[in-house]
């Protein structure tokens, strides 16, 4: 646990020498890196100081040690491949997640939406949202819908915004006040005051 905390601190401050010293110390003491350690290394080589060769080396070592995916590892890999613009790798990763029977897929899908929104890949946003609704509509949570709403508000796809709001209402979910403010502003700018009024009616003002 102590090593993992140090790893996290050194990686966040991008102290590569300290990271290497810590790895050497662990090896000298016969301590194998845990899945948390590898997650931090994925974060380092994929997001903080992107280096695809180092990232692949870490993943290969992880596989050799029989360490599988976790919510943290998959999440950092989504961030990493997004940062590296390796969208082919993102597709492969989600295929692996599907094959593994991983249970927290919705949280990973939400993270994927963040990546594709940042890259303005609207076709991929559509694919993720449409497939998720078609296959796991009642598993989707408020966070997924909120991120999808942000994507469609940003791309000015107001028909999708209204469709998602109606679907959330249908399955008993409500967006928080911050997301509703973004959506309402966009709908007002688009001149759809009726839809904006409906969005405000469905807001969840409870703190999270």
N, C-alpha and C. Protein backbone atom coordinates (compact mmCIF):
# COMPACT_ATOMS: atom_id res chain seq x y z
N UNK A 1 0.83 -1.20 0.00
CA UNK A 1 0.00 0.00 0.00
C UNK A 1 0.87 1.26 0.00
N UNK A 2 1.92 1.26 0.85
CA UNK A 2 2.81 2.42 0.92
C UNK A 2 3.49 2.69 -0.41
N UNK A 3 3.94 1.61 -1.08
CA UNK A 3 4.58 1.77 -2.39
C UNK A 3 3.60 2.38 -3.40
N UNK A 4 2.35 1.91 -3.37
CA UNK A 4 1.37 2.43 -4.32
C UNK A 4 1.08 3.91 -4.08
N UNK A 5 1.04 4.31 -2.82
CA UNK A 5 0.83 5.73 -2.51
C UNK A 5 1.99 6.56 -3.04
N UNK A 6 3.22 6.07 -2.84
CA UNK A 6 4.40 6.77 -3.35
C UNK A 6 4.38 6.84 -4.88
N UNK A 7 4.00 5.71 -5.50
CA UNK A 7 3.88 5.69 -6.95
C UNK A 7 2.94 6.79 -7.43
N UNK A 8 1.78 6.86 -6.80
CA UNK A 8 0.78 7.84 -7.19
C UNK A 8 1.34 9.25 -7.07
N UNK A 9 2.02 9.54 -5.96
CA UNK A 9 2.56 10.88 -5.73
C UNK A 9 3.65 11.22 -6.74
N UNK A 10 4.57 10.28 -6.99
CA UNK A 10 5.67 10.53 -7.93
C UNK A 10 5.15 10.68 -9.36
N UNK A 11 4.15 9.89 -9.72
CA UNK A 11 3.61 9.96 -11.09
C UNK A 11 2.86 11.27 -11.29
N UNK A 12 2.08 11.67 -10.30
CA UNK A 12 1.34 12.94 -10.44
C UNK A 12 2.28 14.13 -10.54
N UNK A 13 3.44 14.03 -9.88
CA UNK A 13 4.41 15.12 -9.95
C UNK A 13 5.45 14.89 -11.05
N UNK A 14 5.25 13.78 -11.83
CA UNK A 14 6.10 13.43 -12.97
C UNK A 14 7.57 13.32 -12.60
N UNK A 15 7.84 12.72 -11.45
CA UNK A 15 9.23 12.50 -11.00
C UNK A 15 9.68 11.11 -11.47
N UNK A 16 10.10 11.03 -12.72
CA UNK A 16 10.45 9.75 -13.32
C UNK A 16 11.59 9.04 -12.60
N UNK A 17 12.59 9.80 -12.15
CA UNK A 17 13.71 9.18 -11.45
C UNK A 17 13.23 8.48 -10.19
N UNK A 18 12.32 9.12 -9.47
CA UNK A 18 11.79 8.53 -8.24
C UNK A 18 10.98 7.26 -8.55
N UNK A 19 10.23 7.30 -9.66
CA UNK A 19 9.45 6.13 -10.06
C UNK A 19 10.38 4.95 -10.33
N UNK A 20 11.46 5.22 -11.07
CA UNK A 20 12.42 4.16 -11.41
C UNK A 20 13.12 3.64 -10.16
N UNK A 21 13.48 4.54 -9.24
CA UNK A 21 14.11 4.13 -7.99
C UNK A 21 13.18 3.24 -7.16
N UNK A 22 11.91 3.61 -7.15
CA UNK A 22 10.92 2.85 -6.39
C UNK A 22 10.74 1.46 -6.99
N UNK A 23 10.70 1.37 -8.31
CA UNK A 23 10.58 0.07 -8.97
C UNK A 23 11.78 -0.81 -8.65
N UNK A 24 12.98 -0.21 -8.67
CA UNK A 24 14.20 -0.96 -8.37
C UNK A 24 14.19 -1.44 -6.92
N UNK A 25 13.73 -0.60 -6.01
CA UNK A 25 13.66 -0.97 -4.59
C UNK A 25 12.68 -2.12 -4.37
N UNK A 26 11.54 -2.06 -5.03
CA UNK A 26 10.56 -3.13 -4.91
C UNK A 26 11.14 -4.45 -5.43
N UNK A 27 11.83 -4.37 -6.56
CA UNK A 27 12.43 -5.57 -7.14
C UNK A 27 13.48 -6.16 -6.21
N UNK A 28 14.30 -5.29 -5.60
CA UNK A 28 15.36 -5.74 -4.68
C UNK A 28 14.77 -6.44 -3.46
N UNK A 29 13.59 -6.00 -3.04
CA UNK A 29 12.96 -6.59 -1.86
C UNK A 29 12.02 -7.74 -2.21
N UNK A 30 11.98 -8.09 -3.49
CA UNK A 30 11.15 -9.22 -3.91
C UNK A 30 9.67 -8.91 -3.88
N UNK A 31 9.31 -7.65 -4.03
CA UNK A 31 7.90 -7.25 -4.01
C UNK A 31 7.41 -7.08 -5.44
N UNK A 32 6.41 -7.86 -5.79
CA UNK A 32 5.84 -7.76 -7.14
C UNK A 32 4.88 -6.58 -7.23
N UNK A 33 4.91 -5.85 -8.33
CA UNK A 33 3.94 -4.77 -8.51
C UNK A 33 2.51 -5.32 -8.51
N UNK A 34 1.61 -4.61 -7.88
CA UNK A 34 0.20 -5.01 -7.84
C UNK A 34 -0.54 -4.43 -9.04
N UNK A 35 -1.81 -4.76 -9.18
CA UNK A 35 -2.57 -4.19 -10.30
C UNK A 35 -2.71 -2.67 -10.12
N UNK A 36 -2.68 -2.19 -8.86
CA UNK A 36 -2.70 -0.74 -8.63
C UNK A 36 -1.42 -0.10 -9.15
N UNK A 37 -0.29 -0.76 -8.90
CA UNK A 37 1.00 -0.24 -9.39
C UNK A 37 0.97 -0.11 -10.91
N UNK A 38 0.50 -1.17 -11.57
CA UNK A 38 0.44 -1.14 -13.03
C UNK A 38 -0.54 -0.07 -13.53
N UNK A 39 -1.62 0.12 -12.79
CA UNK A 39 -2.58 1.17 -13.17
C UNK A 39 -1.90 2.53 -13.17
N UNK A 40 -1.08 2.79 -12.14
CA UNK A 40 -0.38 4.08 -12.06
C UNK A 40 0.65 4.21 -13.18
N UNK A 41 1.31 3.09 -13.54
CA UNK A 41 2.28 3.13 -14.64
C UNK A 41 1.58 3.38 -15.98
N UNK A 42 0.39 2.81 -16.14
CA UNK A 42 -0.40 3.07 -17.35
C UNK A 42 -0.75 4.55 -17.42
N UNK A 43 -1.13 5.09 -16.26
CA UNK A 43 -1.45 6.53 -16.20
C UNK A 43 -0.23 7.37 -16.57
N UNK A 44 0.93 6.97 -16.07
CA UNK A 44 2.16 7.72 -16.33
C UNK A 44 2.50 7.72 -17.81
N UNK A 45 2.59 6.51 -18.40
CA UNK A 45 3.07 6.39 -19.78
C UNK A 45 1.98 6.65 -20.82
N UNK A 46 0.72 6.66 -20.36
CA UNK A 46 -0.35 6.90 -21.30
C UNK A 46 -0.92 8.31 -21.27
N UNK A 47 -0.84 8.96 -20.10
CA UNK A 47 -1.50 10.27 -19.94
C UNK A 47 -0.54 11.37 -19.49
N UNK A 48 0.17 11.12 -18.39
CA UNK A 48 1.04 12.17 -17.83
C UNK A 48 2.22 12.47 -18.75
N UNK A 49 2.95 11.42 -19.14
CA UNK A 49 4.09 11.56 -20.06
C UNK A 49 3.93 10.52 -21.17
N UNK A 50 3.04 10.79 -22.13
CA UNK A 50 2.67 9.77 -23.12
C UNK A 50 3.85 9.18 -23.88
N UNK A 51 3.96 7.86 -23.82
CA UNK A 51 5.01 7.14 -24.53
C UNK A 51 4.42 5.77 -24.86
N UNK A 52 4.00 5.58 -26.11
CA UNK A 52 3.29 4.36 -26.46
C UNK A 52 4.15 3.12 -26.30
N UNK A 53 5.44 3.22 -26.58
CA UNK A 53 6.32 2.06 -26.44
C UNK A 53 6.41 1.62 -24.98
N UNK A 54 6.55 2.60 -24.07
CA UNK A 54 6.60 2.27 -22.65
C UNK A 54 5.27 1.73 -22.16
N UNK A 55 4.19 2.29 -22.67
CA UNK A 55 2.87 1.81 -22.30
C UNK A 55 2.70 0.35 -22.69
N UNK A 56 3.08 0.00 -23.91
CA UNK A 56 2.95 -1.38 -24.38
C UNK A 56 3.86 -2.32 -23.58
N UNK A 57 5.04 -1.81 -23.19
CA UNK A 57 5.94 -2.63 -22.37
C UNK A 57 5.29 -2.96 -21.03
N UNK A 58 4.67 -1.96 -20.42
CA UNK A 58 3.99 -2.16 -19.13
C UNK A 58 2.85 -3.17 -19.28
N UNK A 59 2.07 -3.04 -20.37
CA UNK A 59 0.95 -3.95 -20.58
C UNK A 59 1.42 -5.39 -20.81
N UNK A 60 2.52 -5.53 -21.55
CA UNK A 60 3.07 -6.87 -21.80
C UNK A 60 3.54 -7.51 -20.50
N UNK A 61 4.24 -6.72 -19.68
CA UNK A 61 4.72 -7.23 -18.39
C UNK A 61 3.54 -7.62 -17.50
N UNK A 62 2.50 -6.81 -17.54
CA UNK A 62 1.31 -7.08 -16.73
C UNK A 62 0.67 -8.41 -17.14
N UNK A 63 0.57 -8.61 -18.45
CA UNK A 63 -0.03 -9.86 -18.94
C UNK A 63 0.82 -11.07 -18.57
N UNK A 64 2.14 -10.91 -18.65
CA UNK A 64 3.04 -12.02 -18.30
C UNK A 64 2.88 -12.42 -16.85
N UNK A 65 2.54 -11.47 -16.00
CA UNK A 65 2.35 -11.75 -14.58
C UNK A 65 0.91 -12.19 -14.26
N UNK A 66 0.09 -12.28 -15.31
CA UNK A 66 -1.27 -12.76 -15.11
C UNK A 66 -2.19 -11.76 -14.45
N UNK A 67 -1.86 -10.48 -14.55
CA UNK A 67 -2.71 -9.44 -13.94
C UNK A 67 -3.73 -8.98 -14.99
N UNK A 68 -4.99 -9.17 -14.66
CA UNK A 68 -6.06 -8.83 -15.59
C UNK A 68 -6.53 -7.40 -15.42
N UNK A 69 -7.58 -7.07 -16.16
CA UNK A 69 -8.11 -5.72 -16.12
C UNK A 69 -8.95 -5.46 -14.88
N UNK A 70 -9.07 -4.21 -14.53
CA UNK A 70 -9.93 -3.76 -13.43
C UNK A 70 -10.55 -2.44 -13.89
N UNK A 71 -11.48 -1.93 -13.11
CA UNK A 71 -12.11 -0.66 -13.47
C UNK A 71 -11.07 0.44 -13.61
N UNK A 72 -10.10 0.48 -12.68
CA UNK A 72 -9.06 1.51 -12.71
C UNK A 72 -8.16 1.33 -13.94
N UNK A 73 -7.73 0.10 -14.19
CA UNK A 73 -6.83 -0.16 -15.31
C UNK A 73 -7.53 0.14 -16.65
N UNK A 74 -8.73 -0.37 -16.82
CA UNK A 74 -9.45 -0.10 -18.07
C UNK A 74 -9.72 1.39 -18.23
N UNK A 75 -10.06 2.05 -17.14
CA UNK A 75 -10.32 3.50 -17.21
C UNK A 75 -9.10 4.28 -17.63
N UNK A 76 -7.95 3.96 -17.03
CA UNK A 76 -6.71 4.66 -17.40
C UNK A 76 -6.31 4.34 -18.85
N UNK A 77 -6.59 3.11 -19.30
CA UNK A 77 -6.26 2.75 -20.69
C UNK A 77 -7.13 3.54 -21.68
N UNK A 78 -8.38 3.75 -21.33
CA UNK A 78 -9.25 4.58 -22.18
C UNK A 78 -8.67 5.99 -22.27
N UNK A 79 -8.28 6.55 -21.12
CA UNK A 79 -7.67 7.89 -21.11
C UNK A 79 -6.39 7.91 -21.94
N UNK A 80 -5.58 6.84 -21.77
CA UNK A 80 -4.28 6.77 -22.45
C UNK A 80 -4.44 6.70 -23.97
N UNK A 81 -5.28 5.79 -24.45
CA UNK A 81 -5.45 5.64 -25.89
C UNK A 81 -6.12 6.87 -26.50
N UNK A 82 -6.96 7.53 -25.70
CA UNK A 82 -7.53 8.79 -26.17
C UNK A 82 -6.46 9.86 -26.32
N UNK A 83 -5.59 9.96 -25.33
CA UNK A 83 -4.50 10.93 -25.35
C UNK A 83 -3.55 10.66 -26.52
N UNK A 84 -3.29 9.37 -26.76
CA UNK A 84 -2.38 8.98 -27.84
C UNK A 84 -3.08 8.95 -29.21
N UNK A 85 -4.39 9.20 -29.19
CA UNK A 85 -5.20 9.16 -30.41
C UNK A 85 -5.14 7.79 -31.10
N UNK A 86 -5.06 6.74 -30.29
CA UNK A 86 -5.07 5.37 -30.81
C UNK A 86 -6.48 4.82 -30.69
N UNK A 87 -7.35 5.30 -31.55
CA UNK A 87 -8.76 4.92 -31.47
C UNK A 87 -8.97 3.46 -31.86
N UNK A 88 -8.04 2.92 -32.67
CA UNK A 88 -8.10 1.49 -32.98
C UNK A 88 -7.90 0.66 -31.72
N UNK A 89 -7.00 1.14 -30.85
CA UNK A 89 -6.74 0.45 -29.58
C UNK A 89 -7.96 0.55 -28.64
N UNK A 90 -8.65 1.67 -28.71
CA UNK A 90 -9.87 1.81 -27.90
C UNK A 90 -10.89 0.76 -28.30
N UNK A 91 -11.04 0.55 -29.60
CA UNK A 91 -11.98 -0.47 -30.08
C UNK A 91 -11.57 -1.86 -29.60
N UNK A 92 -10.28 -2.16 -29.70
CA UNK A 92 -9.78 -3.46 -29.25
C UNK A 92 -10.00 -3.64 -27.75
N UNK A 93 -9.77 -2.56 -27.00
CA UNK A 93 -9.92 -2.61 -25.55
C UNK A 93 -11.37 -2.93 -25.17
N UNK A 94 -12.32 -2.24 -25.81
CA UNK A 94 -13.73 -2.47 -25.46
C UNK A 94 -14.19 -3.86 -25.90
N UNK A 95 -13.60 -4.41 -26.96
CA UNK A 95 -13.89 -5.79 -27.34
C UNK A 95 -13.39 -6.75 -26.26
N UNK A 96 -12.20 -6.44 -25.72
CA UNK A 96 -11.65 -7.26 -24.63
C UNK A 96 -12.54 -7.18 -23.39
N UNK A 97 -13.01 -5.98 -23.07
CA UNK A 97 -13.90 -5.78 -21.92
C UNK A 97 -15.17 -6.61 -22.10
N UNK A 98 -15.71 -6.59 -23.32
CA UNK A 98 -16.95 -7.34 -23.60
C UNK A 98 -16.71 -8.83 -23.45
N UNK A 99 -15.60 -9.33 -23.98
CA UNK A 99 -15.30 -10.77 -23.90
C UNK A 99 -15.08 -11.23 -22.47
N UNK A 100 -14.51 -10.34 -21.65
CA UNK A 100 -14.16 -10.72 -20.27
C UNK A 100 -15.37 -10.79 -19.35
N UNK A 101 -16.51 -10.27 -19.81
CA UNK A 101 -17.68 -10.26 -18.95
C UNK A 101 -17.60 -9.24 -17.84
N UNK A 102 -16.77 -8.22 -18.01
CA UNK A 102 -16.57 -7.18 -17.00
C UNK A 102 -17.90 -6.50 -16.69
N UNK A 103 -18.18 -6.27 -15.42
CA UNK A 103 -19.51 -5.82 -15.00
C UNK A 103 -19.71 -4.31 -15.03
N UNK A 104 -18.64 -3.55 -14.95
CA UNK A 104 -18.79 -2.09 -14.86
C UNK A 104 -18.66 -1.42 -16.24
N UNK A 105 -19.27 -2.02 -17.25
CA UNK A 105 -19.12 -1.50 -18.62
C UNK A 105 -19.70 -0.10 -18.78
N UNK A 106 -20.80 0.19 -18.08
CA UNK A 106 -21.44 1.49 -18.26
C UNK A 106 -20.51 2.62 -17.85
N UNK A 107 -19.78 2.44 -16.76
CA UNK A 107 -18.83 3.47 -16.32
C UNK A 107 -17.73 3.67 -17.36
N UNK A 108 -17.29 2.59 -17.99
CA UNK A 108 -16.27 2.70 -19.03
C UNK A 108 -16.84 3.37 -20.29
N UNK A 109 -18.09 3.08 -20.61
CA UNK A 109 -18.73 3.72 -21.76
C UNK A 109 -18.83 5.23 -21.54
N UNK A 110 -19.14 5.62 -20.30
CA UNK A 110 -19.21 7.04 -19.97
C UNK A 110 -17.85 7.69 -20.18
N UNK A 111 -16.80 6.99 -19.79
CA UNK A 111 -15.44 7.51 -19.97
C UNK A 111 -15.09 7.63 -21.45
N UNK A 112 -15.55 6.66 -22.23
CA UNK A 112 -15.32 6.72 -23.67
C UNK A 112 -15.99 7.94 -24.29
N UNK A 113 -17.19 8.26 -23.82
CA UNK A 113 -17.89 9.44 -24.34
C UNK A 113 -17.08 10.71 -24.10
N UNK A 114 -16.42 10.79 -22.94
CA UNK A 114 -15.59 11.96 -22.62
C UNK A 114 -14.46 12.08 -23.65
N UNK A 115 -13.81 10.94 -23.95
CA UNK A 115 -12.70 10.93 -24.90
C UNK A 115 -13.17 11.35 -26.29
N UNK A 116 -14.25 10.75 -26.76
CA UNK A 116 -14.71 11.04 -28.12
C UNK A 116 -15.30 12.45 -28.24
N UNK A 117 -15.88 12.96 -27.17
CA UNK A 117 -16.35 14.35 -27.21
C UNK A 117 -15.17 15.31 -27.37
N UNK A 118 -14.10 15.05 -26.61
CA UNK A 118 -12.92 15.91 -26.67
C UNK A 118 -12.31 15.92 -28.07
N UNK A 119 -12.42 14.79 -28.77
CA UNK A 119 -11.86 14.68 -30.12
C UNK A 119 -12.88 15.01 -31.20
N UNK A 120 -14.09 15.40 -30.77
CA UNK A 120 -15.18 15.74 -31.69
C UNK A 120 -15.49 14.61 -32.67
N UNK A 121 -15.42 13.39 -32.17
CA UNK A 121 -15.76 12.23 -32.99
C UNK A 121 -17.25 11.91 -32.77
N UNK A 122 -18.09 12.69 -33.41
CA UNK A 122 -19.52 12.60 -33.18
C UNK A 122 -20.10 11.25 -33.62
N UNK A 123 -19.50 10.66 -34.67
CA UNK A 123 -20.01 9.36 -35.13
C UNK A 123 -19.80 8.29 -34.08
N UNK A 124 -18.67 8.36 -33.35
CA UNK A 124 -18.41 7.37 -32.30
C UNK A 124 -19.31 7.61 -31.09
N UNK A 125 -19.59 8.87 -30.80
CA UNK A 125 -20.53 9.17 -29.72
C UNK A 125 -21.89 8.55 -30.04
N UNK A 126 -22.35 8.76 -31.29
CA UNK A 126 -23.62 8.18 -31.72
C UNK A 126 -23.62 6.66 -31.57
N UNK A 127 -22.53 6.04 -32.01
CA UNK A 127 -22.45 4.58 -31.97
C UNK A 127 -22.53 4.07 -30.54
N UNK A 128 -21.78 4.70 -29.63
CA UNK A 128 -21.78 4.26 -28.22
C UNK A 128 -23.16 4.44 -27.60
N UNK A 129 -23.75 5.63 -27.79
CA UNK A 129 -25.05 5.92 -27.18
C UNK A 129 -26.13 5.01 -27.75
N UNK A 130 -26.19 4.89 -29.07
CA UNK A 130 -27.25 4.07 -29.70
C UNK A 130 -27.12 2.60 -29.32
N UNK A 131 -25.88 2.08 -29.31
CA UNK A 131 -25.67 0.68 -28.95
C UNK A 131 -26.00 0.43 -27.49
N UNK A 132 -25.59 1.34 -26.62
CA UNK A 132 -25.86 1.19 -25.18
C UNK A 132 -27.36 1.19 -24.91
N UNK A 133 -28.07 2.08 -25.56
CA UNK A 133 -29.52 2.17 -25.36
C UNK A 133 -30.21 0.91 -25.90
N UNK A 134 -29.73 0.41 -27.02
CA UNK A 134 -30.34 -0.77 -27.64
C UNK A 134 -30.08 -2.04 -26.85
N UNK A 135 -28.93 -2.12 -26.18
CA UNK A 135 -28.54 -3.38 -25.53
C UNK A 135 -28.64 -3.38 -24.01
N UNK A 136 -28.53 -2.21 -23.39
CA UNK A 136 -28.53 -2.18 -21.93
C UNK A 136 -29.21 -0.92 -21.38
N UNK A 137 -30.33 -0.58 -21.98
CA UNK A 137 -31.03 0.66 -21.64
C UNK A 137 -31.28 0.81 -20.14
N UNK A 138 -31.74 -0.25 -19.50
CA UNK A 138 -32.11 -0.15 -18.09
C UNK A 138 -30.92 -0.34 -17.14
N UNK A 139 -29.73 -0.56 -17.71
CA UNK A 139 -28.51 -0.60 -16.90
C UNK A 139 -27.82 0.76 -16.86
N UNK A 140 -28.20 1.63 -17.78
CA UNK A 140 -27.54 2.93 -17.89
C UNK A 140 -27.88 3.80 -16.68
N UNK A 141 -26.88 4.57 -16.23
CA UNK A 141 -27.09 5.41 -15.05
C UNK A 141 -27.13 6.88 -15.43
N UNK A 142 -27.39 7.71 -14.43
CA UNK A 142 -27.52 9.14 -14.67
C UNK A 142 -26.25 9.73 -15.27
N UNK A 143 -25.08 9.27 -14.78
CA UNK A 143 -23.81 9.81 -15.26
C UNK A 143 -23.62 9.57 -16.76
N UNK A 144 -24.04 8.38 -17.23
CA UNK A 144 -23.93 8.09 -18.67
C UNK A 144 -24.78 9.07 -19.47
N UNK A 145 -26.04 9.23 -19.07
CA UNK A 145 -26.94 10.12 -19.80
C UNK A 145 -26.45 11.57 -19.74
N UNK A 146 -25.93 11.97 -18.58
CA UNK A 146 -25.45 13.35 -18.46
C UNK A 146 -24.29 13.61 -19.40
N UNK A 147 -23.36 12.64 -19.50
CA UNK A 147 -22.23 12.83 -20.41
C UNK A 147 -22.71 12.84 -21.86
N UNK A 148 -23.67 11.98 -22.18
CA UNK A 148 -24.22 11.96 -23.53
C UNK A 148 -24.89 13.30 -23.84
N UNK A 149 -25.59 13.85 -22.86
CA UNK A 149 -26.22 15.16 -23.05
C UNK A 149 -25.19 16.25 -23.32
N UNK A 150 -24.06 16.18 -22.59
CA UNK A 150 -22.98 17.16 -22.82
C UNK A 150 -22.46 17.04 -24.25
N UNK A 151 -22.28 15.78 -24.71
CA UNK A 151 -21.78 15.56 -26.06
C UNK A 151 -22.71 16.17 -27.10
N UNK A 152 -24.00 15.89 -26.96
CA UNK A 152 -24.95 16.36 -27.97
C UNK A 152 -25.24 17.85 -27.86
N UNK A 153 -25.12 18.39 -26.65
CA UNK A 153 -25.24 19.84 -26.50
C UNK A 153 -24.07 20.53 -27.19
N UNK A 154 -22.87 19.97 -26.98
CA UNK A 154 -21.66 20.53 -27.58
C UNK A 154 -21.72 20.48 -29.11
N UNK A 155 -22.26 19.39 -29.66
CA UNK A 155 -22.32 19.23 -31.13
C UNK A 155 -23.60 19.82 -31.71
N UNK A 156 -24.42 20.43 -30.84
CA UNK A 156 -25.67 21.09 -31.25
C UNK A 156 -26.64 20.12 -31.92
N UNK A 157 -26.64 18.88 -31.43
CA UNK A 157 -27.58 17.88 -31.93
C UNK A 157 -28.79 17.88 -30.99
N UNK A 158 -29.67 18.86 -31.19
CA UNK A 158 -30.74 19.09 -30.22
C UNK A 158 -31.83 18.03 -30.27
N UNK A 159 -32.00 17.37 -31.40
CA UNK A 159 -32.99 16.29 -31.46
C UNK A 159 -32.57 15.14 -30.54
N UNK A 160 -31.24 14.86 -30.52
CA UNK A 160 -30.72 13.82 -29.62
C UNK A 160 -30.87 14.24 -28.16
N UNK A 161 -30.65 15.52 -27.89
CA UNK A 161 -30.80 16.04 -26.52
C UNK A 161 -32.22 15.78 -26.04
N UNK A 162 -33.20 16.15 -26.85
CA UNK A 162 -34.60 15.96 -26.46
C UNK A 162 -34.93 14.49 -26.31
N UNK A 163 -34.40 13.66 -27.20
CA UNK A 163 -34.65 12.22 -27.14
C UNK A 163 -34.10 11.63 -25.84
N UNK A 164 -32.89 12.04 -25.47
CA UNK A 164 -32.28 11.52 -24.24
C UNK A 164 -33.02 11.99 -23.00
N UNK A 165 -33.44 13.25 -22.99
CA UNK A 165 -34.21 13.77 -21.86
C UNK A 165 -35.51 12.99 -21.68
N UNK A 166 -36.18 12.70 -22.80
CA UNK A 166 -37.42 11.94 -22.74
C UNK A 166 -37.17 10.52 -22.23
N UNK A 167 -36.06 9.93 -22.67
CA UNK A 167 -35.73 8.57 -22.24
C UNK A 167 -35.39 8.52 -20.75
N UNK A 168 -34.67 9.53 -20.27
CA UNK A 168 -34.35 9.60 -18.84
C UNK A 168 -35.63 9.69 -18.03
N UNK A 169 -36.56 10.51 -18.50
CA UNK A 169 -37.84 10.65 -17.80
C UNK A 169 -38.59 9.32 -17.79
N UNK A 170 -38.52 8.61 -18.91
CA UNK A 170 -39.22 7.33 -19.04
C UNK A 170 -38.71 6.29 -18.05
N UNK A 171 -37.39 6.26 -17.83
CA UNK A 171 -36.84 5.23 -16.93
C UNK A 171 -36.57 5.77 -15.52
N UNK A 172 -37.02 7.00 -15.26
CA UNK A 172 -36.98 7.53 -13.90
C UNK A 172 -35.66 8.14 -13.47
N UNK A 173 -34.87 8.65 -14.42
CA UNK A 173 -33.61 9.31 -14.10
C UNK A 173 -33.73 10.81 -14.36
N UNK A 174 -33.00 11.60 -13.57
CA UNK A 174 -33.03 13.05 -13.75
C UNK A 174 -31.61 13.60 -13.81
N UNK A 175 -31.31 14.47 -14.77
CA UNK A 175 -29.98 15.11 -14.81
C UNK A 175 -29.85 16.12 -13.68
N UNK A 176 -28.62 16.36 -13.23
CA UNK A 176 -28.44 17.34 -12.15
C UNK A 176 -28.58 18.76 -12.69
N UNK A 177 -28.57 19.71 -11.78
CA UNK A 177 -28.84 21.10 -12.16
C UNK A 177 -27.79 21.67 -13.11
N UNK A 178 -26.52 21.26 -12.92
CA UNK A 178 -25.45 21.77 -13.78
C UNK A 178 -25.62 21.35 -15.22
N UNK A 179 -25.89 20.06 -15.45
CA UNK A 179 -26.08 19.56 -16.80
C UNK A 179 -27.34 20.17 -17.42
N UNK A 180 -28.41 20.27 -16.60
CA UNK A 180 -29.65 20.85 -17.11
C UNK A 180 -29.45 22.30 -17.52
N UNK A 181 -28.62 23.04 -16.79
CA UNK A 181 -28.33 24.43 -17.15
C UNK A 181 -27.67 24.50 -18.52
N UNK A 182 -26.70 23.59 -18.77
CA UNK A 182 -26.03 23.56 -20.07
C UNK A 182 -27.03 23.26 -21.19
N UNK A 183 -27.87 22.25 -20.95
CA UNK A 183 -28.84 21.82 -21.95
C UNK A 183 -29.86 22.93 -22.21
N UNK A 184 -30.37 23.53 -21.13
CA UNK A 184 -31.39 24.58 -21.27
C UNK A 184 -30.85 25.77 -22.05
N UNK A 185 -29.62 26.17 -21.74
CA UNK A 185 -28.99 27.28 -22.45
C UNK A 185 -28.88 26.98 -23.95
N UNK A 186 -28.46 25.74 -24.26
CA UNK A 186 -28.29 25.36 -25.66
C UNK A 186 -29.64 25.35 -26.39
N UNK A 187 -30.66 24.82 -25.73
CA UNK A 187 -31.98 24.77 -26.37
C UNK A 187 -32.56 26.17 -26.57
N UNK A 188 -32.31 27.06 -25.61
CA UNK A 188 -32.76 28.45 -25.76
C UNK A 188 -32.06 29.12 -26.94
N UNK A 189 -30.75 28.87 -27.05
CA UNK A 189 -30.00 29.45 -28.15
C UNK A 189 -30.49 28.92 -29.49
N UNK A 190 -30.98 27.67 -29.47
CA UNK A 190 -31.51 27.08 -30.70
C UNK A 190 -32.93 27.54 -30.98
N UNK A 191 -33.49 28.30 -30.04
CA UNK A 191 -34.84 28.82 -30.24
C UNK A 191 -35.95 27.88 -29.85
N UNK A 192 -35.60 26.77 -29.18
CA UNK A 192 -36.62 25.79 -28.78
C UNK A 192 -36.97 26.01 -27.31
N UNK A 193 -37.79 27.01 -27.05
CA UNK A 193 -38.12 27.38 -25.67
C UNK A 193 -39.00 26.34 -24.99
N UNK A 194 -39.82 25.67 -25.77
CA UNK A 194 -40.69 24.63 -25.20
C UNK A 194 -39.85 23.48 -24.64
N UNK A 195 -38.86 23.03 -25.43
CA UNK A 195 -37.98 21.95 -24.97
C UNK A 195 -37.14 22.39 -23.78
N UNK A 196 -36.70 23.65 -23.79
CA UNK A 196 -35.93 24.18 -22.68
C UNK A 196 -36.75 24.17 -21.40
N UNK A 197 -38.02 24.55 -21.52
CA UNK A 197 -38.92 24.56 -20.36
C UNK A 197 -39.12 23.15 -19.81
N UNK A 198 -39.26 22.17 -20.70
CA UNK A 198 -39.43 20.78 -20.28
C UNK A 198 -38.18 20.27 -19.58
N UNK A 199 -37.01 20.68 -20.07
CA UNK A 199 -35.74 20.26 -19.45
C UNK A 199 -35.65 20.74 -18.02
N UNK A 200 -36.07 21.98 -17.77
CA UNK A 200 -36.02 22.54 -16.42
C UNK A 200 -36.96 21.80 -15.48
N UNK A 201 -38.11 21.35 -16.00
CA UNK A 201 -39.08 20.64 -15.16
C UNK A 201 -38.50 19.33 -14.63
N UNK A 202 -37.59 18.72 -15.38
CA UNK A 202 -37.07 17.41 -15.01
C UNK A 202 -35.75 17.46 -14.23
N UNK A 203 -35.35 18.65 -13.83
CA UNK A 203 -34.05 18.78 -13.18
C UNK A 203 -34.05 18.16 -11.79
N UNK A 204 -32.89 17.61 -11.40
CA UNK A 204 -32.69 17.10 -10.05
C UNK A 204 -31.80 18.08 -9.30
N UNK A 205 -32.37 18.80 -8.34
CA UNK A 205 -31.62 19.83 -7.61
C UNK A 205 -30.92 19.26 -6.37
N UNK A 206 -31.07 17.98 -6.14
CA UNK A 206 -30.45 17.39 -4.94
C UNK A 206 -28.94 17.36 -5.11
N UNK A 207 -28.17 17.70 -4.04
CA UNK A 207 -26.70 17.65 -4.13
C UNK A 207 -26.21 16.22 -4.29
N UNK A 208 -25.04 16.06 -4.97
CA UNK A 208 -24.49 14.71 -5.18
C UNK A 208 -23.20 14.56 -4.39
